[in-house]
Protein backbone atom coordinates (compact mmCIF):
# COMPACT_ATOMS: atom_id res chain seq x y z
CA MET A 1 -19.05 251.04 7.69
CA SER A 2 -15.76 251.68 9.49
CA LEU A 3 -14.72 249.72 12.57
CA LEU A 4 -15.01 252.87 14.69
CA SER A 5 -18.54 253.58 13.45
CA PHE A 6 -19.52 249.97 14.06
CA SER A 7 -18.12 250.11 17.61
CA LEU A 8 -19.97 253.33 18.40
CA LEU A 9 -23.20 251.94 16.94
CA PHE A 10 -22.79 248.72 18.92
CA LEU A 11 -22.14 250.65 22.13
CA PHE A 12 -25.19 252.86 21.59
CA THR A 13 -27.38 249.86 20.83
CA PHE A 14 -26.07 248.02 23.89
CA ASN A 15 -26.72 250.96 26.23
CA ALA A 16 -30.14 251.67 24.78
CA GLY A 17 -31.08 248.02 25.20
CA ALA A 18 -30.03 247.83 28.85
CA VAL A 19 -32.90 247.59 31.30
CA VAL A 20 -33.31 247.56 35.05
CA PRO A 21 -33.79 243.95 36.20
CA PRO A 22 -37.25 243.37 37.70
CA SER A 23 -35.61 242.61 41.05
CA GLU A 24 -34.12 246.14 41.11
CA THR A 25 -37.32 248.01 40.26
CA PHE A 26 -39.54 249.44 42.99
CA ARG A 27 -42.77 251.29 43.61
CA PHE A 28 -43.64 252.98 46.91
CA VAL A 29 -47.03 254.46 47.78
CA ASN A 30 -47.49 257.44 50.09
CA ASP A 31 -49.94 255.94 52.58
CA GLY A 32 -50.09 254.44 56.05
CA GLU A 33 -49.07 255.66 59.50
CA PHE A 34 -46.87 258.68 60.07
CA GLY A 35 -43.49 258.40 61.78
CA SER A 36 -43.09 259.19 65.47
CA PHE A 37 -39.80 261.10 65.56
CA VAL A 38 -39.35 264.86 65.53
CA VAL A 39 -38.45 266.18 62.08
CA GLU A 40 -37.30 269.50 60.73
CA TYR A 41 -40.02 272.12 60.11
CA GLY A 42 -42.40 270.23 62.41
CA GLY A 43 -44.06 268.20 59.69
CA ASP A 44 -45.49 264.70 59.43
CA TYR A 45 -43.60 262.04 57.51
CA ARG A 46 -43.67 258.49 56.17
CA VAL A 47 -40.42 256.67 55.50
CA ILE A 48 -39.94 254.35 52.57
CA SER A 49 -37.56 251.39 52.61
CA ILE A 50 -34.68 253.12 50.84
CA GLY A 51 -32.01 254.03 53.33
CA THR A 52 -28.33 253.88 54.21
CA ALA A 53 -27.62 255.12 57.74
CA PRO A 54 -27.87 257.96 58.56
CA PHE A 55 -29.91 258.73 55.42
CA GLN A 56 -33.46 257.64 54.56
CA LEU A 57 -36.00 258.62 51.91
CA ALA A 58 -39.41 259.75 53.07
CA PHE A 59 -42.54 261.65 52.15
CA TYR A 60 -43.12 264.63 54.45
CA ASN A 61 -45.56 267.51 54.67
CA THR A 62 -45.85 270.77 56.58
CA THR A 63 -49.35 271.54 55.29
CA PRO A 64 -52.16 268.97 54.96
CA ASN A 65 -51.98 266.67 51.94
CA ALA A 66 -49.03 268.47 50.32
CA PHE A 67 -46.06 266.10 50.40
CA THR A 68 -42.43 266.43 49.39
CA LEU A 69 -40.21 263.45 48.60
CA ALA A 70 -37.03 264.11 50.56
CA LEU A 71 -33.90 262.59 52.02
CA ARG A 72 -33.60 262.89 55.79
CA MET A 73 -30.43 262.74 57.87
CA ALA A 74 -29.89 261.47 61.46
CA THR A 75 -30.27 258.11 63.19
CA THR A 76 -33.22 256.55 64.98
CA ARG A 77 -30.93 255.55 67.86
CA SER A 78 -31.31 259.06 69.23
CA GLU A 79 -34.06 261.61 69.62
CA SER A 80 -32.17 264.18 67.59
CA LEU A 81 -34.06 266.24 65.06
CA PHE A 82 -34.26 264.65 61.62
CA ARG A 83 -33.17 267.16 58.98
CA TRP A 84 -34.08 267.23 55.29
CA VAL A 85 -30.97 267.44 53.09
CA TRP A 86 -32.37 266.84 49.59
CA GLU A 87 -35.79 267.30 48.02
CA ALA A 88 -37.18 266.12 44.70
CA ASN A 89 -40.25 268.29 44.24
CA ARG A 90 -40.01 271.58 46.13
CA GLY A 91 -42.91 273.82 45.14
CA ASN A 92 -44.73 270.97 43.40
CA PRO A 93 -46.22 268.81 46.18
CA VAL A 94 -48.00 265.49 45.81
CA ARG A 95 -50.93 264.08 47.78
CA GLU A 96 -51.88 260.95 49.66
CA ASN A 97 -51.36 257.80 47.56
CA ALA A 98 -48.71 259.42 45.39
CA THR A 99 -46.06 256.97 44.14
CA PHE A 100 -42.30 256.93 43.82
CA SER A 101 -41.03 254.32 41.39
CA LEU A 102 -38.16 253.01 39.30
CA GLY A 103 -39.28 251.10 36.23
CA THR A 104 -37.40 248.78 33.91
CA ASP A 105 -36.73 251.75 31.61
CA GLY A 106 -34.47 253.31 34.27
CA ASN A 107 -36.55 256.41 34.98
CA LEU A 108 -37.19 257.56 38.56
CA VAL A 109 -40.71 258.97 38.73
CA LEU A 110 -42.64 260.76 41.47
CA ALA A 111 -46.29 260.74 40.43
CA ASP A 112 -49.35 262.17 42.14
CA ALA A 113 -52.35 260.00 42.96
CA ASP A 114 -54.01 260.96 39.67
CA GLY A 115 -50.93 260.00 37.64
CA ARG A 116 -49.59 263.53 37.18
CA ILE A 117 -45.79 263.46 37.12
CA ALA A 118 -44.48 265.84 39.76
CA TRP A 119 -40.81 265.01 39.27
CA GLN A 120 -38.64 262.59 37.29
CA SER A 121 -34.96 261.90 36.65
CA ASN A 122 -35.38 261.93 32.83
CA THR A 123 -33.23 258.83 32.48
CA ALA A 124 -35.58 256.54 30.55
CA ASN A 125 -33.78 254.24 28.10
CA LYS A 126 -30.34 255.68 28.89
CA GLY A 127 -28.70 252.46 30.02
CA VAL A 128 -29.67 252.51 33.69
CA VAL A 129 -29.53 249.10 35.35
CA GLY A 130 -29.75 250.02 39.03
CA PHE A 131 -30.29 252.55 41.82
CA LYS A 132 -28.38 252.99 45.07
CA LEU A 133 -28.18 255.37 48.00
CA SER A 134 -24.52 255.86 48.91
CA PRO A 135 -23.27 256.27 52.51
CA ASN A 136 -22.55 259.95 51.79
CA GLY A 137 -26.20 260.62 50.90
CA ASN A 138 -25.77 260.64 47.12
CA MET A 139 -28.55 258.80 45.29
CA VAL A 140 -27.40 257.47 41.94
CA LEU A 141 -28.71 255.68 38.89
CA HIS A 142 -25.89 253.71 37.26
CA ASP A 143 -25.25 251.68 34.13
CA ALA A 144 -23.81 248.17 33.87
CA SER A 145 -20.24 249.44 34.24
CA GLY A 146 -21.08 251.47 37.37
CA LYS A 147 -21.01 254.84 35.61
CA PHE A 148 -23.42 257.38 37.06
CA ILE A 149 -26.22 258.27 34.64
CA TRP A 150 -27.92 260.50 37.22
CA GLN A 151 -27.08 261.57 40.78
CA SER A 152 -28.89 263.64 43.37
CA PHE A 153 -25.65 265.52 44.12
CA ASP A 154 -26.17 267.32 40.79
CA HIS A 155 -29.55 268.65 41.92
CA PRO A 156 -29.27 270.43 45.30
CA THR A 157 -32.01 272.62 46.76
CA ASP A 158 -30.75 274.59 49.76
CA THR A 159 -28.21 272.09 51.10
CA LEU A 160 -24.78 270.69 50.23
CA LEU A 161 -23.60 267.43 51.78
CA VAL A 162 -19.94 266.57 52.26
CA GLY A 163 -18.47 265.87 48.83
CA GLN A 164 -21.30 267.64 47.02
CA SER A 165 -20.37 270.77 45.10
CA LEU A 166 -21.43 273.81 43.20
CA ARG A 167 -19.37 273.84 40.03
CA ALA A 168 -19.04 275.37 36.61
CA GLY A 169 -20.93 273.25 34.11
CA GLY A 170 -23.11 271.71 36.82
CA ALA A 171 -25.25 272.88 39.71
CA THR A 172 -24.34 276.52 40.32
CA LYS A 173 -26.68 277.66 43.08
CA LEU A 174 -28.63 276.91 46.24
CA VAL A 175 -32.04 278.50 46.84
CA SER A 176 -33.44 279.04 50.31
CA ARG A 177 -36.79 277.75 51.47
CA ALA A 178 -39.60 280.34 51.77
CA SER A 179 -40.60 279.43 55.34
CA ALA A 180 -40.88 276.47 57.66
CA GLN A 181 -44.46 275.87 56.55
CA ASN A 182 -44.27 277.00 52.92
CA ASN A 183 -41.95 274.72 50.94
CA VAL A 184 -41.34 276.82 47.83
CA ASP A 185 -38.28 278.75 46.68
CA GLY A 186 -37.46 281.53 49.11
CA ALA A 187 -35.85 284.95 48.93
CA TYR A 188 -32.16 284.01 48.93
CA SER A 189 -29.83 282.32 46.44
CA LEU A 190 -26.22 281.23 46.92
CA VAL A 191 -24.78 281.55 43.41
CA LEU A 192 -21.45 280.34 42.05
CA GLU A 193 -20.32 282.99 39.56
CA PRO A 194 -17.16 282.90 37.39
CA LYS A 195 -14.98 284.74 39.90
CA GLU A 196 -16.92 284.77 43.16
CA LEU A 197 -19.58 283.15 45.27
CA THR A 198 -22.42 285.47 46.31
CA VAL A 199 -25.66 285.40 48.24
CA THR A 200 -28.41 287.41 46.54
CA LEU A 201 -31.85 288.57 47.61
CA ASN A 202 -34.55 287.66 45.10
CA VAL A 203 -36.93 290.58 45.55
CA GLU A 204 -38.44 292.61 42.72
CA GLU A 205 -38.65 296.40 42.62
CA THR A 206 -36.28 297.25 45.42
CA ASN A 207 -33.29 299.56 45.59
CA ASP A 208 -32.13 298.17 48.91
CA GLY A 209 -29.87 295.48 47.49
CA PHE A 210 -26.80 293.81 48.92
CA ALA A 211 -24.18 291.24 48.12
CA TYR A 212 -21.32 289.61 49.98
CA ASP A 213 -18.63 287.15 49.11
CA VAL A 214 -18.44 283.74 50.77
CA LEU A 215 -15.19 281.84 51.17
CA LEU A 216 -15.62 278.14 51.88
CA ASP A 217 -12.90 275.97 50.35
CA TYR A 218 -13.50 277.66 47.01
CA THR A 219 -10.75 276.57 44.64
CA VAL A 220 -10.01 277.49 41.05
CA ALA A 221 -9.74 274.29 39.08
CA ASN A 222 -8.38 275.92 35.95
CA SER A 223 -7.23 279.51 36.33
CA SER A 224 -6.93 279.95 32.58
CA ILE A 225 -10.69 279.64 32.15
CA GLY A 226 -11.70 280.78 35.62
CA THR A 227 -13.72 277.74 36.67
CA GLY A 228 -13.92 276.35 40.16
CA ASN A 229 -15.89 274.50 42.78
CA LEU A 230 -17.52 275.19 46.10
CA ILE A 231 -17.27 271.90 47.92
CA LEU A 232 -17.81 271.07 51.58
CA THR A 233 -14.61 269.24 52.52
CA ARG A 234 -13.80 270.08 56.15
CA PRO A 235 -16.47 268.64 58.45
CA LYS A 236 -15.89 268.67 62.19
CA TYR A 237 -14.91 265.35 63.82
CA ASN A 238 -13.63 264.08 60.45
CA SER A 239 -17.13 262.89 59.67
CA THR A 240 -19.41 262.85 56.65
CA LEU A 241 -22.31 263.75 58.94
CA SER A 242 -22.16 267.45 58.11
CA PHE A 243 -23.91 269.68 55.65
CA LEU A 244 -24.03 273.30 54.54
CA ARG A 245 -27.43 275.01 54.48
CA LEU A 246 -28.62 278.30 52.99
CA GLY A 247 -31.30 279.09 55.54
CA ILE A 248 -34.72 280.65 55.27
CA ASP A 249 -33.25 283.87 56.68
CA GLY A 250 -30.33 283.93 54.23
CA ASN A 251 -27.81 282.66 56.78
CA LEU A 252 -25.18 280.23 55.55
CA ARG A 253 -24.57 277.56 58.20
CA VAL A 254 -22.82 274.23 58.63
CA PHE A 255 -24.59 271.55 60.69
CA THR A 256 -22.67 268.61 62.11
CA TYR A 257 -24.34 265.53 63.59
CA TYR A 258 -22.24 264.24 66.48
CA TYR A 259 -23.52 261.25 68.47
CA LYS A 260 -26.86 262.40 69.94
CA MET A 261 -26.87 266.05 69.00
CA TRP A 262 -26.55 268.50 66.14
CA GLU A 263 -23.96 271.26 66.34
CA LEU A 264 -24.48 274.48 64.41
CA TRP A 265 -21.55 276.33 62.92
CA ALA A 266 -22.62 279.53 61.23
CA LEU A 267 -20.35 280.88 58.52
CA LEU A 268 -22.12 284.15 57.87
CA GLY A 269 -25.08 285.79 59.44
CA GLN A 270 -28.12 287.53 58.10
CA PRO A 271 -27.36 289.33 54.83
CA MET A 272 -28.17 292.89 55.85
CA ARG A 273 -26.23 296.14 55.75
CA ARG A 274 -25.21 295.28 59.30
CA LEU A 275 -24.24 291.68 58.83
CA PRO A 276 -24.16 289.40 61.89
CA ILE A 277 -21.38 286.87 61.53
CA ALA A 278 -23.22 284.32 63.65
CA GLU A 279 -23.53 282.43 66.85
CA ARG A 280 -20.06 281.01 66.33
CA ILE A 281 -17.46 281.71 63.66
CA THR A 282 -15.67 278.67 62.38
CA TRP A 283 -12.39 277.46 60.86
CA LEU A 284 -10.47 280.74 61.00
CA LYS A 285 -7.49 282.25 62.84
CA PRO A 286 -7.87 285.48 64.82
CA GLU A 287 -6.08 288.45 63.27
CA LEU A 288 -7.87 291.79 63.52
CA SER A 289 -7.28 295.35 64.62
CA THR A 290 -9.77 296.76 67.11
CA THR A 291 -10.24 299.62 69.51
CA GLU A 292 -9.95 298.88 73.22
CA GLY A 293 -13.02 297.20 74.69
CA GLN A 294 -15.58 299.53 76.26
CA ARG A 295 -18.51 298.72 78.56
CA ILE A 296 -21.61 299.80 76.61
CA LYS A 297 -24.91 298.30 75.46
CA GLU A 298 -24.91 296.06 72.40
CA ASN A 299 -27.12 298.44 70.38
CA ASP A 300 -24.85 301.35 71.27
CA CYS A 301 -21.89 299.33 70.09
CA GLY A 302 -23.63 298.86 66.75
CA ARG A 303 -24.45 302.55 66.44
CA LYS A 304 -20.84 303.43 67.19
CA CYS A 305 -19.74 301.33 64.22
CA THR A 306 -22.52 302.60 61.95
CA THR A 307 -21.51 306.23 62.45
CA ASP A 308 -17.80 305.53 61.91
CA CYS A 309 -16.92 305.31 58.22
CA LYS A 310 -13.68 303.51 59.11
CA CYS A 311 -15.49 300.76 61.00
CA LEU A 312 -15.66 297.47 59.11
CA GLY A 313 -17.40 295.57 61.87
CA TYR A 314 -17.79 295.22 65.60
CA PHE A 315 -17.62 292.50 68.21
CA TYR A 316 -19.50 292.37 71.48
CA HIS A 317 -19.10 290.26 74.63
CA ARG A 318 -22.49 290.02 76.31
CA GLU A 319 -21.15 288.76 79.64
CA THR A 320 -18.87 291.77 80.17
CA SER A 321 -20.74 294.34 78.01
CA LYS A 322 -17.52 295.09 76.16
CA CYS A 323 -17.48 296.45 72.62
CA TRP A 324 -14.64 296.24 70.10
CA ILE A 325 -14.74 298.35 66.95
CA ALA A 326 -12.81 296.78 64.07
CA ASN A 327 -11.21 299.11 61.54
CA GLU A 328 -9.44 296.23 59.85
CA LEU A 329 -10.63 292.65 59.25
CA LYS A 330 -8.33 289.84 58.27
CA THR A 331 -9.39 286.42 59.54
CA LEU A 332 -11.60 285.46 62.47
CA ALA A 333 -11.61 282.68 65.04
CA LYS A 334 -14.32 280.31 66.15
CA THR A 335 -15.39 280.32 69.79
CA SER A 336 -17.57 277.92 71.73
CA ASN A 337 -18.80 280.78 73.94
CA THR A 338 -22.11 281.95 72.50
CA SER A 339 -21.94 285.18 74.48
CA HIS A 340 -19.45 286.44 71.89
CA VAL A 341 -21.20 287.98 68.87
CA GLY A 342 -19.80 289.73 65.84
CA TYR A 343 -21.09 291.86 62.99
CA ILE A 344 -19.51 293.03 59.76
CA LYS A 345 -20.72 295.68 57.35
CA ALA A 346 -22.05 294.43 54.03
CA PRO A 347 -21.90 296.70 50.97
CA ASN A 348 -24.81 297.41 48.65
CA LYS A 349 -24.72 295.92 45.17
């Protein structure tokens, strides 16, 4: 046997033999009193003692006895809404007395009360020696050298935290939630494709399709093979307390937690033929060509754009009832005044 073969065999044997020390294992049961703070989707919740401010793991439900294991974000020092930024078992809920555990074999397991496995990390006997929740919200299983064997950042649902990415060879899409009450996959997907990032509507037997491109710090890592990442890297206030969410309605928004409040920064609005940009447009510089503002109703402003084949979008100021028709769109500017609204046309597929 060559020295190289012996070294590889030794390394494999060493990793396979590594176990999680008993002091690092855990087992939490979904029982007891519910929490008292307001949480997203209006559900009930029970926290478990895995947390790194402002993140904490919890069981929550929006329908009786149908729980999701999720990571919440916000701090108990305020009455701000707790938001769910990662979920283990969307569409596969567990009941009262379900368990979440890490055994000596290094496998994270969410099991229902009857023992049925609802979710697992599939890391048994792969050299895991510990679990940690990082300050950026990434949950990791690591080996003795600190290398990540598994991380929650590789398994997003509808949300990307700062530093988390969609990338070629890894997680390539976000899927919206069906509704506030129904926690299953919804109608919209944000998909990283080889040359573009698109939001798609997952509806069968329809000819009324649409697609639009999303630009959010999308960079090509290697232009020769066309790979790249979508990564959230520019939070407001230079803080990690931000996340990007593909909403139930197909909107793509950035939320930023700032002291005792959440701020909402919408990147794109509802994916329709007439596409609302949002309450506020963010991170862009104003450069556009428009017609002179006219005092008309908002719906009339929209109809004016719809009937003009040169119109690419329109902008409306609700306080002054002024309408601007845009025949050219370059970049747009954020505004803190929510009376300003904007719409752009979205092409069919």
